[in-house]
Amino acid sequence: MGQRARPTAAETFAPTDLWQGILLVSSFGFWAVMLGLMPALLLRVWLAG
């Protein structure tokens, strides 16, 4: 049996799956906020104009 290589600090603390999940959630939150604010901003501009 060969020796198992020790995982690096990056692999231990920040696996790729975790980063992909974080990016997915943050991008989803960003779009949710943008789509949620867009009608309010348009309404404000329409009322102001």
C-alpha atoms as a PDB file:
ATOM      1  CA  MET A   1       0.000   0.000   0.000  1.00  0.00           C
ATOM      2  CA  GLY A   2       1.406   3.360  -0.988  1.00  0.00           C
ATOM      3  CA  GLN A   3       1.557   6.266   1.381  1.00  0.00           C
ATOM      4  CA  ARG A   4      -1.361   8.631   1.121  1.00  0.00           C
ATOM      5  CA  ALA A   5      -0.342  12.166   0.204  1.00  0.00           C
ATOM      6  CA  ARG A   6      -1.284  14.727   2.812  1.00  0.00           C
ATOM      7  CA  PRO A   7      -3.845  17.218   1.506  1.00  0.00           C
ATOM      8  CA  THR A   8      -2.604  20.769   1.166  1.00  0.00           C
ATOM      9  CA  ALA A   9      -3.981  23.557   3.328  1.00  0.00           C
ATOM     10  CA  ALA A  10      -5.998  24.858   0.383  1.00  0.00           C
ATOM     11  CA  GLU A  11      -7.610  21.461  -0.156  1.00  0.00           C
ATOM     12  CA  THR A  12      -8.278  21.084   3.561  1.00  0.00           C
ATOM     13  CA  PHE A  13      -9.834  24.483   4.205  1.00  0.00           C
ATOM     14  CA  ALA A  14     -11.289  25.368   0.805  1.00  0.00           C
ATOM     15  CA  PRO A  15     -12.365  22.389  -1.290  1.00  0.00           C
ATOM     16  CA  THR A  16     -13.443  23.170  -4.835  1.00  0.00           C
ATOM     17  CA  ASP A  17     -16.990  21.989  -4.125  1.00  0.00           C
ATOM     18  CA  LEU A  18     -17.283  24.482  -1.282  1.00  0.00           C
ATOM     19  CA  TRP A  19     -16.056  27.381  -3.425  1.00  0.00           C
ATOM     20  CA  GLN A  20     -18.424  26.431  -6.235  1.00  0.00           C
ATOM     21  CA  GLY A  21     -21.292  26.337  -3.743  1.00  0.00           C
ATOM     22  CA  ILE A  22     -20.328  29.725  -2.306  1.00  0.00           C
ATOM     23  CA  LEU A  23     -20.083  31.260  -5.779  1.00  0.00           C
ATOM     24  CA  LEU A  24     -23.410  29.744  -6.795  1.00  0.00           C
ATOM     25  CA  VAL A  25     -25.204  31.010  -3.691  1.00  0.00           C
ATOM     26  CA  SER A  26     -23.622  34.469  -3.856  1.00  0.00           C
ATOM     27  CA  SER A  27     -24.426  34.868  -7.554  1.00  0.00           C
ATOM     28  CA  PHE A  28     -27.980  33.664  -6.918  1.00  0.00           C
ATOM     29  CA  GLY A  29     -28.330  36.164  -4.061  1.00  0.00           C
ATOM     30  CA  PHE A  30     -26.933  38.924  -6.278  1.00  0.00           C
ATOM     31  CA  TRP A  31     -29.469  38.241  -9.023  1.00  0.00           C
ATOM     32  CA  ALA A  32     -32.296  37.890  -6.501  1.00  0.00           C
ATOM     33  CA  VAL A  33     -31.451  41.330  -5.088  1.00  0.00           C
ATOM     34  CA  MET A  34     -31.071  42.865  -8.548  1.00  0.00           C
ATOM     35  CA  LEU A  35     -34.376  41.450  -9.786  1.00  0.00           C
ATOM     36  CA  GLY A  36     -36.051  42.433  -6.523  1.00  0.00           C
ATOM     37  CA  LEU A  37     -34.793  46.022  -6.638  1.00  0.00           C
ATOM     38  CA  MET A  38     -35.273  46.610 -10.353  1.00  0.00           C
ATOM     39  CA  PRO A  39     -39.091  47.072 -10.268  1.00  0.00           C
ATOM     40  CA  ALA A  40     -38.804  49.427  -7.282  1.00  0.00           C
ATOM     41  CA  LEU A  41     -36.163  51.517  -9.043  1.00  0.00           C
ATOM     42  CA  LEU A  42     -38.167  51.634 -12.264  1.00  0.00           C
ATOM     43  CA  LEU A  43     -41.301  52.620 -10.343  1.00  0.00           C
ATOM     44  CA  ARG A  44     -39.382  55.397  -8.587  1.00  0.00           C
ATOM     45  CA  VAL A  45     -38.013  56.736 -11.872  1.00  0.00           C
ATOM     46  CA  TRP A  46     -41.464  56.525 -13.451  1.00  0.00           C
ATOM     47  CA  LEU A  47     -43.093  58.362 -10.524  1.00  0.00           C
ATOM     48  CA  ALA A  48     -40.333  60.979 -10.417  1.00  0.00           C
ATOM     49  CA  GLY A  49     -40.553  61.588 -14.156  1.00  0.00           C
END
